[in-house]
C-alpha cells in the first residue's frame, strides 16, 4: 500500500484518536477495506454524476405481489418495476434499510451483513446493481437493541461488549440536541451490573460508541462488504449525532466530520466511483458543513428544499424559497446537493429554523394537518417540546392552499417536481411521488407511527392496473413525471454542477437561470406558484435577440423576446436556446 495513503489515514486518526497507536490502526483499516496495492482514487474535484442522474428512493417492500405461489420476493418486484417502467428514467435506486430489523421500518438494524429474508437476498441486490447503481443505508449512529452485538454487550462478550455509548444518569445532558421526546438514557441489566446506554432515536435504537476504534473498524468492514455486493452509493444515516462528548450538544462535533472524511478516503480507494451522501436533518448552515473542502460527503441532503417548496405552493408566495436559493452556495466540483421533496420520513422543520418565522411555520403546520397530516415532536431544554417534522404524503400536502382544498392538486404536485428537477443538484424521487400515492391513514392507525402515513405498500398487480388506466390520477401523474424527467436528462444546463442564478420576478413567479458547464445552453426556469394565471414579460429575462428561444416543456417557440406570455396556475416553462 502506498505510503501516501497510510499517511493520510493516519493523519485523520490522529485527530480522532490522539491516544491510540494510529499507525497500527491505519494499517488495520486499510486491510479491513481490502484496498488493492495499485488503488487510484478519483482526481480531486471530480464529478461522479451528470444531468442524466436521477435517483429513486424506495423501501424494499413498497411493491408486494401475493398473486404468485410462493409470492415473489419484493426486491424482485422492485427490479421488475425499474426495468419495465423506469428503465430510461432512473439511474440509481436507493433501497432504504433492507437488513433484518426490529423497529423504525428498518432503521433499528439487527444484522448489517444480512438481507431481510422477507425482502430477498444478496444475489437480488447484485442483480439490481447490474442494471442501475444501488444506494444502501449505513445506519451508523445506532443499531437494534435486539442485535447480536447488543446481546453480547449485555452478556459481557465480544464483539459488542464495548460497542455502545454509556453515561451515568447523573450526567448533565441538558445541552444535548434531541430529535425525540423520550428519555435519552435507557437502563439495562448486564452481566456486569446495571448500565445506562445512550438512545438518541428510541430505546430500541442504541447508540454506538465511536470512541472505541474497534467500532470504526467494524463499520469499515460493513462498507467493504457492501461494495463487494454491488453497492456503490452510501447514505450515512443520522451521522450528525455520531460522536458524543460531555458538556456539548453532541451534534456535528469535529470528530464526526473527521470520521466522514476518513471513511470517504477509504471507500474511494476501494472504488473510485463510490459516492457518500450524508443525511443530516439539521439547520441549513450546519448541513452545508458536511461538504468539507470537497473531501467529506460527495453529496448532502438538501433538507430545506421540501418545507420551503411546500410553503411556497400553499401560500402562493416564493419570497422565502427565493431568499434561500440566493443564499445557497454553489457546490464545488466533486460535490453536489441531493435534492428531494418527498421521502420515507416527514417534512423536517429544523431546516427552516431562521428561514420561516414562528407564525409562518405554524400556518404551514396547520395547513398540513387540515390536509390529513400529522406532526412529530422533539424535546427541548427545560422539558418543552417543539414540532420536529410534518408527516404527510406529498400528493396530499399539495391538495390545496392555506385557504383550503381546491381542484389544482395534480398541477401543484407536478409544479413542485418541475422546480426540483431544475434546481442545482442531483434529483431524488420517492417511489410514491411517481404515482401520486396519498396518505395511508390505515397504516398510521395500525402502527401508531406518524411516519407510516407516507410509507404505503402497494399491491403490485393493483398498481400496474392503475398505471395502465389513463383515467387514474396515478397513471396521469406517472406519465407526466416520467416525461419531465426524460426531458430534463437531455439538457446539459441541468448538470448538477451547472451555473445557477436566482431571478427576481416578484413573489408569484419563482425563477432561476441555469447554464451548462460548456456555456452552450441556457435554461430559464419560471414557475407560477399561485392558483391564478400570471403574466410573464420575456423582456424581464433579457433574452439575446440572436438566439432562438422556446419552452422545452410545451415546444412553444418565442419569436419576439419582448412579448408577454401567460402562465396558467402552477405552470412551469423551461425557456431555452
Protein backbone atom coordinates (compact mmCIF):
# COMPACT_ATOMS: atom_id res chain seq x y z
CA UNK A 1 0.00 0.00 0.00
CA UNK A 2 1.27 3.45 -0.85
CA UNK A 3 2.96 5.45 1.87
CA UNK A 4 0.76 8.41 0.92
CA UNK A 5 -2.50 6.62 1.76
CA UNK A 6 -1.07 5.35 5.05
CA UNK A 7 -0.02 8.87 5.97
CA UNK A 8 -3.41 10.34 5.08
CA UNK A 9 -5.34 7.71 7.03
CA UNK A 10 -3.02 8.13 9.99
CA UNK A 11 -3.46 11.92 9.91
CA UNK A 12 -7.25 11.54 10.23
CA UNK A 13 -6.85 9.01 13.03
CA UNK A 14 -4.52 11.32 14.98
CA UNK A 15 -7.37 13.83 15.16
CA UNK A 16 -9.97 11.25 16.21
CA UNK A 17 -7.86 9.04 18.50
CA UNK A 18 -4.82 11.04 19.69
CA UNK A 19 -4.07 8.50 22.45
CA UNK A 20 -4.06 5.43 20.15
CA UNK A 21 -1.32 3.82 18.07
CA UNK A 22 -2.62 5.42 14.88
CA UNK A 23 -0.03 3.89 12.57
CA UNK A 24 -1.11 0.40 13.56
CA UNK A 25 -4.80 1.37 13.39
CA UNK A 26 -4.33 2.90 9.92
CA UNK A 27 -2.88 -0.34 8.61
CA UNK A 28 -5.75 -2.28 10.17
CA UNK A 29 -8.39 -0.10 8.49
CA UNK A 30 -6.66 -0.35 5.10
CA UNK A 31 -6.52 -4.14 5.47
CA UNK A 32 -10.19 -4.30 6.53
CA UNK A 33 -11.22 -2.30 3.45
CA UNK A 34 -9.08 -4.69 1.36
CA UNK A 35 -7.72 -1.84 -0.73
CA UNK A 36 -5.68 -3.03 -3.75
CA UNK A 37 -1.98 -2.16 -3.82
CA UNK A 38 -2.41 -0.19 -7.06
CA UNK A 39 -5.56 1.66 -5.93
CA UNK A 40 -6.09 5.03 -7.60
CA UNK A 41 -8.86 7.28 -6.23
CA UNK A 42 -10.57 9.82 -8.50
CA UNK A 43 -8.77 13.10 -9.07
CA UNK A 44 -9.84 15.81 -6.61
CA UNK A 45 -12.99 17.76 -7.56
CA UNK A 46 -14.18 15.08 -9.99
CA UNK A 47 -17.93 14.99 -10.64
CA UNK A 48 -19.21 11.42 -10.48
CA UNK A 49 -22.61 12.46 -11.91
CA UNK A 50 -24.20 14.43 -14.73
CA UNK A 51 -27.62 15.63 -15.91
CA UNK A 52 -28.74 12.05 -16.62
CA UNK A 53 -28.56 11.02 -12.96
CA UNK A 54 -31.95 10.54 -11.28
CA UNK A 55 -32.36 8.56 -8.04
CA UNK A 56 -35.36 6.51 -6.99
CA UNK A 57 -35.97 6.32 -3.21
CA UNK A 58 -37.95 3.28 -2.05
CA UNK A 59 -38.40 0.67 0.62
CA UNK A 60 -37.53 -2.85 -0.41
CA UNK A 61 -41.15 -3.88 0.13
CA UNK A 62 -43.01 -0.92 -1.42
CA UNK A 63 -44.29 -3.33 -4.10
CA UNK A 64 -45.88 -6.58 -2.90
CA UNK A 65 -47.27 -9.37 -5.05
CA UNK A 66 -49.22 -12.15 -3.35
CA UNK A 67 -50.68 -13.40 -6.64
CA UNK A 68 -47.87 -15.91 -7.21
CA UNK A 69 -47.31 -19.06 -5.21
CA UNK A 70 -44.99 -18.73 -3.46
CA UNK A 71 -45.15 -14.91 -3.50
CA UNK A 72 -42.25 -13.26 -5.32
CA UNK A 73 -39.74 -11.51 -3.10
CA UNK A 74 -40.34 -7.73 -3.04
CA UNK A 75 -36.85 -6.77 -4.27
CA UNK A 76 -37.56 -8.80 -7.42
CA UNK A 77 -40.81 -6.82 -7.83
CA UNK A 78 -38.82 -3.61 -7.45
CA UNK A 79 -36.30 -4.80 -10.04
CA UNK A 80 -39.16 -5.59 -12.44
CA UNK A 81 -40.67 -2.13 -11.87
CA UNK A 82 -37.34 -0.41 -12.51
CA UNK A 83 -36.67 -2.41 -15.68
CA UNK A 84 -40.18 -2.20 -17.13
CA UNK A 85 -41.39 1.22 -16.04
CA UNK A 86 -38.29 3.29 -15.22
CA UNK A 87 -35.55 1.76 -17.35
CA UNK A 88 -34.78 5.04 -19.16
CA UNK A 89 -35.85 7.26 -16.26
CA UNK A 90 -33.74 6.49 -13.16
CA UNK A 91 -30.01 5.82 -12.93
CA UNK A 92 -29.81 4.76 -9.28
CA UNK A 93 -32.08 3.11 -6.73
CA UNK A 94 -31.86 3.89 -3.04
CA UNK A 95 -33.31 0.93 -1.18
CA UNK A 96 -33.99 2.03 2.38
CA UNK A 97 -32.59 -0.34 5.06
CA UNK A 98 -33.06 -3.84 3.70
CA UNK A 99 -31.48 -5.67 6.64
CA UNK A 100 -33.16 -7.65 9.44
CA UNK A 101 -34.59 -5.09 11.89
CA UNK A 102 -36.75 -4.74 14.99
CA UNK A 103 -38.42 -1.32 14.60
CA UNK A 104 -38.50 2.06 12.80
CA UNK A 105 -39.19 0.40 9.43
CA UNK A 106 -35.62 -0.82 9.08
CA UNK A 107 -33.57 1.79 10.95
CA UNK A 108 -33.12 -0.45 14.01
CA UNK A 109 -30.76 -2.91 12.34
CA UNK A 110 -30.31 -6.37 13.83
CA UNK A 111 -27.64 -7.63 11.40
CA UNK A 112 -25.75 -5.35 8.97
CA UNK A 113 -24.39 -8.27 6.98
CA UNK A 114 -27.71 -9.87 6.00
CA UNK A 115 -30.60 -9.01 3.71
CA UNK A 116 -34.01 -9.29 5.39
CA UNK A 117 -35.18 -12.66 4.09
CA UNK A 118 -38.73 -11.33 3.66
CA UNK A 119 -37.34 -8.91 1.02
CA UNK A 120 -34.84 -11.08 -0.85
CA UNK A 121 -31.14 -11.86 -0.64
CA UNK A 122 -27.74 -10.51 -1.68
CA UNK A 123 -27.96 -12.04 -5.19
CA UNK A 124 -31.13 -9.90 -5.68
CA UNK A 125 -29.14 -6.78 -4.74
CA UNK A 126 -26.29 -7.84 -7.03
CA UNK A 127 -28.71 -8.44 -9.92
CA UNK A 128 -30.26 -4.99 -9.49
CA UNK A 129 -26.80 -3.38 -9.35
CA UNK A 130 -26.07 -4.69 -12.84
CA UNK A 131 -28.93 -2.56 -14.27
CA UNK A 132 -28.75 0.57 -12.08
CA UNK A 133 -26.49 1.93 -9.38
CA UNK A 134 -27.61 0.81 -5.92
CA UNK A 135 -27.59 3.08 -2.87
CA UNK A 136 -27.72 1.50 0.59
CA UNK A 137 -28.14 2.91 4.05
CA UNK A 138 -25.30 2.77 6.52
CA UNK A 139 -27.18 3.14 9.81
CA UNK A 140 -24.03 4.30 11.51
CA UNK A 141 -25.24 6.01 14.69
CA UNK A 142 -27.15 3.16 16.31
CA UNK A 143 -28.40 -0.40 15.96
CA UNK A 144 -31.22 -2.52 17.31
CA UNK A 145 -31.43 -3.39 20.99
CA UNK A 146 -32.16 -6.91 19.69
CA UNK A 147 -28.95 -7.16 17.64
CA UNK A 148 -26.33 -9.78 18.35
CA UNK A 149 -23.90 -7.01 19.25
CA UNK A 150 -26.18 -5.61 21.95
CA UNK A 151 -26.95 -9.08 23.29
CA UNK A 152 -23.18 -9.55 23.64
CA UNK A 153 -22.97 -6.16 25.37
CA UNK A 154 -25.45 -7.35 27.99
CA UNK A 155 -23.56 -10.63 28.44
CA UNK A 156 -20.11 -9.02 28.50
CA UNK A 157 -18.95 -10.80 25.34
CA UNK A 158 -17.13 -9.75 22.16
CA UNK A 159 -17.97 -8.44 19.64
CA UNK A 160 -20.28 -5.89 21.18
CA UNK A 161 -19.09 -5.73 24.80
CA UNK A 162 -17.64 -2.26 24.27
CA UNK A 163 -19.60 -1.12 21.20
CA UNK A 164 -22.21 1.08 22.91
CA UNK A 165 -22.17 4.54 24.45
CA UNK A 166 -22.81 4.64 28.18
CA UNK A 167 -23.39 7.60 30.50
CA UNK A 168 -24.26 7.85 34.20
CA UNK A 169 -27.80 9.03 34.90
CA UNK A 170 -26.29 11.88 36.94
CA UNK A 171 -24.56 13.32 33.86
CA UNK A 172 -25.85 16.72 32.74
CA UNK A 173 -27.25 16.16 29.25
CA UNK A 174 -29.25 19.39 29.10
CA UNK A 175 -27.19 20.71 26.17
CA UNK A 176 -27.69 17.60 24.04
CA UNK A 177 -29.73 18.30 20.89
CA UNK A 178 -32.67 15.90 20.84
CA UNK A 179 -34.71 14.76 17.82
CA UNK A 180 -37.25 12.92 20.02
CA UNK A 181 -39.09 13.30 23.33
CA UNK A 182 -38.24 10.03 25.16
CA UNK A 183 -35.63 9.78 27.93
CA UNK A 184 -32.13 9.86 26.44
CA UNK A 185 -30.70 7.11 28.64
CA UNK A 186 -32.03 3.55 28.87
CA UNK A 187 -31.36 1.39 31.93
CA UNK A 188 -30.05 -2.05 31.02
CA UNK A 189 -29.25 -5.00 33.29
CA UNK A 190 -26.00 -6.65 32.17
CA UNK A 191 -23.67 -9.35 33.44
CA UNK A 192 -21.54 -6.51 34.85
CA UNK A 193 -24.45 -4.84 36.63
CA UNK A 194 -26.90 -2.08 35.71
CA UNK A 195 -25.76 0.24 32.94
CA UNK A 196 -27.30 3.23 31.17
CA UNK A 197 -26.97 3.34 27.39
CA UNK A 198 -27.49 6.32 25.11
CA UNK A 199 -30.53 6.18 22.80
CA UNK A 200 -30.85 9.20 20.51
CA UNK A 201 -33.83 7.96 18.50
CA UNK A 202 -35.66 5.31 20.56
CA UNK A 203 -34.99 2.83 23.32
CA UNK A 204 -34.87 0.12 20.65
CA UNK A 205 -32.05 2.01 18.88
CA UNK A 206 -28.88 2.03 20.96
CA UNK A 207 -26.08 4.43 20.01
CA UNK A 208 -22.60 3.17 19.16
CA UNK A 209 -19.51 4.41 20.96
CA UNK A 210 -17.09 5.53 18.26
CA UNK A 211 -14.55 6.49 20.93
CA UNK A 212 -13.68 2.80 20.59
CA UNK A 213 -11.72 2.36 17.33
CA UNK A 214 -12.98 -1.24 17.11
CA UNK A 215 -16.42 0.20 16.28
CA UNK A 216 -14.91 2.28 13.48
CA UNK A 217 -13.15 -0.80 12.10
CA UNK A 218 -16.44 -2.73 12.23
CA UNK A 219 -18.12 -0.13 10.02
CA UNK A 220 -15.19 -0.14 7.61
CA UNK A 221 -15.82 -3.88 7.36
CA UNK A 222 -19.54 -3.21 6.69
CA UNK A 223 -18.72 -0.70 3.93
CA UNK A 224 -16.28 -3.08 2.29
CA UNK A 225 -18.85 -5.88 2.39
CA UNK A 226 -21.50 -3.70 0.71
CA UNK A 227 -19.06 -2.62 -2.01
CA UNK A 228 -18.38 -6.28 -2.76
CA UNK A 229 -22.14 -6.94 -3.05
CA UNK A 230 -22.54 -4.30 -5.78
CA UNK A 231 -23.48 -1.26 -3.68
CA UNK A 232 -21.69 1.87 -4.87
CA UNK A 233 -23.59 4.68 -3.10
CA UNK A 234 -23.84 5.04 0.66
CA UNK A 235 -26.30 7.08 2.71
CA UNK A 236 -24.83 7.81 6.14
CA UNK A 237 -27.98 7.86 8.26
CA UNK A 238 -28.18 10.34 11.19
CA UNK A 239 -24.42 10.79 11.03
CA UNK A 240 -24.54 14.23 12.71
CA UNK A 241 -25.18 12.54 16.10
CA UNK A 242 -22.24 10.13 15.81
CA UNK A 243 -19.71 11.47 18.33
CA UNK A 244 -20.76 12.23 21.92
CA UNK A 245 -18.88 14.35 24.44
CA UNK A 246 -20.00 15.51 27.88
CA UNK A 247 -20.92 19.18 28.13
CA UNK A 248 -21.64 19.58 24.40
CA UNK A 249 -24.64 19.40 22.08
CA UNK A 250 -23.30 16.01 20.84
CA UNK A 251 -24.18 17.22 17.33
CA UNK A 252 -21.76 17.89 14.45
CA UNK A 253 -18.70 17.50 16.65
CA UNK A 254 -15.26 17.77 14.95
CA UNK A 255 -14.63 14.03 15.34
CA UNK A 256 -17.83 13.28 13.40
CA UNK A 257 -16.61 15.30 10.42
CA UNK A 258 -13.18 13.68 10.66
CA UNK A 259 -14.71 10.19 10.59
CA UNK A 260 -16.74 11.04 7.47
CA UNK A 261 -13.57 12.31 5.77
CA UNK A 262 -11.69 9.15 6.75
CA UNK A 263 -14.43 6.82 5.53
CA UNK A 264 -14.63 8.65 2.23
CA UNK A 265 -10.85 8.31 1.80
CA UNK A 266 -11.02 4.55 2.35
CA UNK A 267 -14.14 3.98 0.24
CA UNK A 268 -12.89 5.91 -2.80
CA UNK A 269 -9.59 4.00 -2.76
CA UNK A 270 -11.57 0.75 -2.85
CA UNK A 271 -13.96 2.01 -5.57
CA UNK A 272 -13.22 5.36 -7.26
CA UNK A 273 -16.86 5.51 -8.49
CA UNK A 274 -18.34 5.19 -4.99
CA UNK A 275 -20.36 8.08 -3.56
CA UNK A 276 -21.07 9.01 0.07
CA UNK A 277 -24.18 11.04 0.90
CA UNK A 278 -24.77 12.40 4.40
CA UNK A 279 -28.27 12.51 5.88
CA UNK A 280 -28.27 15.36 8.42
CA UNK A 281 -31.72 16.74 9.21
CA UNK A 282 -30.40 19.90 10.86
CA UNK A 283 -30.43 23.67 10.22
CA UNK A 284 -29.20 24.68 6.77
CA UNK A 285 -25.82 26.19 7.71
CA UNK A 286 -24.83 23.15 9.76
CA UNK A 287 -25.84 20.85 6.92
CA UNK A 288 -23.56 22.65 4.45
CA UNK A 289 -20.56 21.88 6.66
CA UNK A 290 -20.68 18.23 5.58
CA UNK A 291 -19.23 19.14 2.18
CA UNK A 292 -15.94 19.89 3.95
CA UNK A 293 -13.49 21.10 1.32
CA UNK A 294 -14.82 18.63 -1.26
CA UNK A 295 -13.23 15.93 0.91
CA UNK A 296 -16.15 14.91 3.11
CA UNK A 297 -19.60 14.00 1.73
CA UNK A 298 -19.86 13.82 -2.04
CA UNK A 299 -23.45 14.99 -1.67
CA UNK A 300 -25.65 16.31 1.13
CA UNK A 301 -29.40 16.05 1.52
CA UNK A 302 -30.91 19.45 0.69
CA UNK A 303 -33.24 19.39 3.68
CA UNK A 304 -34.50 22.97 3.43
CA UNK A 305 -35.99 22.43 -0.03
CA UNK A 306 -39.08 20.31 0.89
CA UNK A 307 -40.62 22.58 3.55
CA UNK A 308 -39.77 25.78 1.68
CA UNK A 309 -41.18 24.50 -1.62
CA UNK A 310 -44.37 23.22 0.01
CA UNK A 311 -44.73 26.53 1.84
CA UNK A 312 -44.31 28.42 -1.44
CA UNK A 313 -47.00 26.44 -3.23
CA UNK A 314 -49.61 26.58 -0.46
CA UNK A 315 -49.10 30.31 0.21
CA UNK A 316 -48.57 31.45 -3.39
CA UNK A 317 -45.53 33.46 -2.26
CA UNK A 318 -41.97 32.43 -3.21
CA UNK A 319 -40.17 35.02 -1.06
CA UNK A 320 -38.55 32.57 1.35
CA UNK A 321 -37.71 29.98 -1.31
CA UNK A 322 -36.09 32.68 -3.42
CA UNK A 323 -34.13 34.11 -0.48
CA UNK A 324 -32.88 30.65 0.45
CA UNK A 325 -31.87 29.81 -3.12
CA UNK A 326 -29.91 33.06 -3.40
CA UNK A 327 -28.02 32.20 -0.21
CA UNK A 328 -27.21 28.63 -1.29
CA UNK A 329 -23.50 28.50 -2.19
CA UNK A 330 -22.68 26.70 -5.45
CA UNK A 331 -21.43 23.19 -4.76
CA UNK A 332 -17.78 22.77 -5.72
CA UNK A 333 -16.97 20.28 -8.44
CA UNK A 334 -16.75 16.89 -6.77
CA UNK A 335 -19.71 17.74 -4.52
CA UNK A 336 -23.43 18.13 -5.17
CA UNK A 337 -26.71 18.83 -3.47
CA UNK A 338 -29.00 15.82 -3.15
CA UNK A 339 -32.41 17.29 -3.92
CA UNK A 340 -35.62 15.67 -2.76
CA UNK A 341 -39.06 16.92 -1.82
CA UNK A 342 -40.57 13.68 -0.51
CA UNK A 343 -39.11 10.72 1.34
CA UNK A 344 -39.93 7.94 3.79
CA UNK A 345 -39.59 10.46 6.63
CA UNK A 346 -41.67 13.51 7.32
CA UNK A 347 -41.09 17.06 6.10
CA UNK A 348 -38.42 18.32 8.50
CA UNK A 349 -38.94 21.66 10.24
CA UNK A 350 -35.47 22.12 11.73
CA UNK A 351 -34.03 23.02 8.29
CA UNK A 352 -36.30 26.09 8.10
CA UNK A 353 -35.32 27.43 11.51
CA UNK A 354 -34.28 31.01 10.84
CA UNK A 355 -35.86 30.89 7.37
CA UNK A 356 -39.56 30.87 8.27
CA UNK A 357 -40.98 32.84 11.19
CA UNK A 358 -42.76 31.01 14.01
CA UNK A 359 -46.10 32.30 12.73
CA UNK A 360 -45.35 31.12 9.18
CA UNK A 361 -44.27 27.71 10.43
CA UNK A 362 -47.46 27.40 12.50
CA UNK A 363 -49.58 28.29 9.44
CA UNK A 364 -47.76 25.67 7.36
CA UNK A 365 -48.24 23.02 10.06
CA UNK A 366 -51.93 23.83 10.46
CA UNK A 367 -52.43 23.66 6.70
CA UNK A 368 -50.81 20.21 6.52
CA UNK A 369 -52.94 18.97 9.44
CA UNK A 370 -56.05 20.20 7.62
CA UNK A 371 -54.99 18.02 4.65
CA UNK A 372 -54.81 14.92 6.88
CA UNK A 373 -51.20 15.28 8.05
CA UNK A 374 -49.68 14.59 11.46
CA UNK A 375 -46.97 16.31 13.50
CA UNK A 376 -43.97 14.69 15.25
CA UNK A 377 -42.19 16.43 18.12
CA UNK A 378 -38.74 16.77 19.65
CA UNK A 379 -37.64 17.65 23.19
CA UNK A 380 -36.05 20.99 24.04
CA UNK A 381 -34.04 22.07 27.06
CA UNK A 382 -36.32 22.65 30.03
CA UNK A 383 -38.76 19.90 29.16
CA UNK A 384 -40.57 21.75 26.37
CA UNK A 385 -41.48 20.07 23.08
CA UNK A 386 -41.27 21.57 19.59
CA UNK A 387 -42.61 20.39 16.21
CA UNK A 388 -39.86 18.38 14.52
CA UNK A 389 -41.48 17.29 11.27
CA UNK A 390 -44.79 17.17 9.41
CA UNK A 391 -45.95 13.69 8.37
CA UNK A 392 -47.97 13.66 5.17
CA UNK A 393 -47.75 12.30 1.63
CA UNK A 394 -46.51 14.95 -0.78
CA UNK A 395 -49.51 14.49 -3.05
CA UNK A 396 -51.88 15.31 -0.20
CA UNK A 397 -49.61 18.06 1.13
CA UNK A 398 -50.28 19.89 -2.13
CA UNK A 399 -54.03 19.23 -2.29
CA UNK A 400 -54.85 22.87 -1.64
CA UNK A 401 -53.58 26.19 -0.29
CA UNK A 402 -53.72 27.93 3.07
CA UNK A 403 -57.27 28.86 2.03
CA UNK A 404 -58.34 25.22 1.76
CA UNK A 405 -58.76 22.41 -0.76
CA UNK A 406 -59.15 23.16 -4.46
CA UNK A 407 -59.11 21.34 -7.79
CA UNK A 408 -55.44 22.01 -8.59
CA UNK A 409 -53.77 19.22 -6.62
CA UNK A 410 -52.12 17.47 -9.58
CA UNK A 411 -50.95 20.73 -11.18
CA UNK A 412 -49.41 21.88 -7.89
CA UNK A 413 -47.74 18.49 -7.42
CA UNK A 414 -46.21 18.47 -10.92
CA UNK A 415 -45.09 22.09 -10.43
CA UNK A 416 -43.20 21.09 -7.28
CA UNK A 417 -41.29 18.39 -9.15
CA UNK A 418 -40.61 20.60 -12.17
CA UNK A 419 -38.97 23.13 -9.84
CA UNK A 420 -36.98 20.42 -8.08
CA UNK A 421 -35.80 18.88 -11.37
CA UNK A 422 -34.40 22.22 -12.49
CA UNK A 423 -32.55 23.29 -9.36
CA UNK A 424 -28.81 22.72 -8.97
CA UNK A 425 -28.14 19.23 -7.64
CA UNK A 426 -28.98 15.55 -8.15
CA UNK A 427 -32.75 14.87 -8.10
CA UNK A 428 -34.08 12.02 -5.97
CA UNK A 429 -37.72 10.99 -6.29
CA UNK A 430 -39.63 8.93 -3.75
CA UNK A 431 -41.40 5.96 -5.32
CA UNK A 432 -44.79 7.25 -4.12
CA UNK A 433 -44.25 10.54 -5.94
CA UNK A 434 -44.14 8.67 -9.24
CA UNK A 435 -47.77 7.66 -8.80
CA UNK A 436 -49.20 10.33 -6.52
CA UNK A 437 -49.78 7.99 -3.58
CA UNK A 438 -51.99 9.53 -0.91
CA UNK A 439 -51.98 9.47 2.91
CA UNK A 440 -52.05 5.95 4.33
CA UNK A 441 -54.16 6.64 7.41
CA UNK A 442 -54.82 2.93 7.94
CA UNK A 443 -51.10 2.20 8.42
CA UNK A 444 -50.81 5.09 10.88
CA UNK A 445 -53.69 3.72 12.94
CA UNK A 446 -52.34 0.16 12.88
CA UNK A 447 -48.76 1.11 13.73
CA UNK A 448 -49.37 4.20 15.87
CA UNK A 449 -46.42 5.71 13.96
CA UNK A 450 -46.95 9.06 12.22
CA UNK A 451 -44.31 8.38 9.58
CA UNK A 452 -46.27 5.41 8.26
CA UNK A 453 -48.63 7.90 6.62
CA UNK A 454 -46.15 8.12 3.74
CA UNK A 455 -44.93 4.50 3.69
CA UNK A 456 -47.72 2.84 1.76
CA UNK A 457 -47.15 -0.70 0.47
CA UNK A 458 -48.66 -1.20 -2.99
CA UNK A 459 -50.09 -4.46 -4.22
CA UNK A 460 -48.00 -4.58 -7.39
CA UNK A 461 -50.68 -6.03 -9.72
CA UNK A 462 -53.14 -3.38 -8.47
CA UNK A 463 -50.60 -0.63 -9.12
CA UNK A 464 -49.94 -1.97 -12.61
CA UNK A 465 -53.69 -1.79 -13.23
CA UNK A 466 -53.75 1.85 -12.16
CA UNK A 467 -50.77 2.69 -14.37
CA UNK A 468 -52.48 1.17 -17.41
CA UNK A 469 -55.69 3.15 -16.80
CA UNK A 470 -55.44 6.61 -18.36
CA UNK A 471 -58.34 7.85 -16.20
CA UNK A 472 -56.46 7.09 -12.97
CA UNK A 473 -54.64 10.01 -11.38
CA UNK A 474 -51.83 7.53 -10.60
CA UNK A 475 -51.33 6.93 -14.33
CA UNK A 476 -51.59 10.63 -15.16
CA UNK A 477 -49.02 11.59 -12.53
CA UNK A 478 -46.68 8.78 -13.60
CA UNK A 479 -46.83 9.77 -17.29
CA UNK A 480 -46.23 13.46 -16.58
CA UNK A 481 -43.41 12.75 -14.12
CA UNK A 482 -41.54 10.35 -16.40
CA UNK A 483 -41.93 12.65 -19.42
CA UNK A 484 -40.49 15.58 -17.44
CA UNK A 485 -37.56 13.51 -16.22
CA UNK A 486 -36.70 12.25 -19.70
CA UNK A 487 -36.75 15.85 -20.95
CA UNK A 488 -34.61 17.02 -18.07
CA UNK A 489 -31.98 14.34 -18.68
CA UNK A 490 -31.34 15.72 -22.19
CA UNK A 491 -30.40 19.23 -21.01
CA UNK A 492 -26.73 19.90 -20.23
CA UNK A 493 -27.81 23.04 -18.40
CA UNK A 494 -29.30 20.74 -15.76
CA UNK A 495 -25.96 19.16 -14.87
CA UNK A 496 -25.92 19.05 -11.03
CA UNK A 497 -22.98 21.50 -11.01
CA UNK A 498 -24.11 23.80 -13.82
CA UNK A 499 -24.25 27.53 -13.09
CA UNK A 500 -27.35 28.82 -11.32
CA UNK A 501 -28.66 32.34 -10.68
CA UNK A 502 -31.90 33.29 -8.97
CA UNK A 503 -34.29 35.52 -10.96
CA UNK A 504 -36.30 38.39 -9.47
CA UNK A 505 -39.78 38.23 -10.94
CA UNK A 506 -41.90 39.16 -7.92
CA UNK A 507 -43.37 36.79 -5.34
CA UNK A 508 -45.85 34.97 -7.61
CA UNK A 509 -43.32 33.80 -10.20
CA UNK A 510 -40.38 31.74 -8.96
CA UNK A 511 -37.48 31.64 -11.38
CA UNK A 512 -33.83 30.75 -11.79
CA UNK A 513 -31.35 30.53 -14.67
CA UNK A 514 -29.12 27.54 -15.42
CA UNK A 515 -26.17 27.48 -17.80
CA UNK A 516 -24.33 24.36 -18.92
CA UNK A 517 -20.69 23.87 -17.92
CA UNK A 518 -19.63 24.45 -21.54
CA UNK A 519 -21.82 27.62 -21.63
CA UNK A 520 -23.60 26.47 -24.76
CA UNK A 521 -27.06 26.07 -23.24
CA UNK A 522 -29.11 28.36 -21.05
CA UNK A 523 -32.44 27.46 -19.47
CA UNK A 524 -34.68 29.98 -17.73
CA UNK A 525 -36.93 28.04 -15.31
CA UNK A 526 -40.00 30.04 -14.33
CA UNK A 527 -42.98 28.72 -12.34
CA UNK A 528 -46.29 30.29 -11.49
CA UNK A 529 -46.59 29.33 -7.81
CA UNK A 530 -50.16 30.61 -7.44
CA UNK A 531 -53.67 29.35 -8.18
CA UNK A 532 -54.30 32.26 -10.59
CA UNK A 533 -52.90 32.94 -14.11
CA UNK A 534 -49.82 35.19 -14.07
CA UNK A 535 -48.20 37.34 -16.77
CA UNK A 536 -44.52 36.94 -17.58
CA UNK A 537 -42.74 39.54 -19.67
CA UNK A 538 -39.92 37.88 -21.61
CA UNK A 539 -38.20 41.26 -21.65
CA UNK A 540 -37.54 40.77 -17.91
CA UNK A 541 -35.32 37.79 -18.79
CA UNK A 542 -33.02 39.81 -21.11
CA UNK A 543 -33.03 37.07 -23.74
CA UNK A 544 -30.46 37.51 -26.51
CA UNK A 545 -32.19 38.51 -29.78
CA UNK A 546 -29.81 36.50 -31.95
CA UNK A 547 -30.74 33.18 -30.31
CA UNK A 548 -33.93 31.20 -30.94
CA UNK A 549 -35.86 30.68 -27.71
CA UNK A 550 -38.61 28.22 -26.83
CA UNK A 551 -40.24 26.35 -23.98
CA UNK A 552 -38.77 22.86 -23.71
CA UNK A 553 -41.88 21.53 -21.95
CA UNK A 554 -44.61 22.61 -24.39
CA UNK A 555 -42.47 23.12 -27.51
CA UNK A 556 -43.76 26.71 -27.88
CA UNK A 557 -41.36 28.97 -29.78
CA UNK A 558 -40.98 32.67 -28.93
CA UNK A 559 -40.26 34.83 -31.98
CA UNK A 560 -40.47 38.08 -30.02
CA UNK A 561 -38.21 38.15 -26.97
CA UNK A 562 -40.16 41.13 -25.62
CA UNK A 563 -43.62 39.58 -25.69
CA UNK A 564 -45.72 38.78 -22.63
CA UNK A 565 -46.89 35.25 -22.02
CA UNK A 566 -49.50 33.96 -19.60
CA UNK A 567 -48.67 31.12 -17.25
CA UNK A 568 -51.59 29.01 -16.07
CA UNK A 569 -51.86 28.21 -12.34
CA UNK A 570 -48.76 26.22 -11.33
CA UNK A 571 -47.42 26.09 -14.90
CA UNK A 572 -43.66 25.97 -15.40
CA UNK A 573 -41.74 26.96 -18.51
CA UNK A 574 -38.17 25.93 -19.30
CA UNK A 575 -37.16 28.63 -21.78
CA UNK A 576 -34.01 27.56 -23.60
CA UNK A 577 -31.86 28.46 -26.57
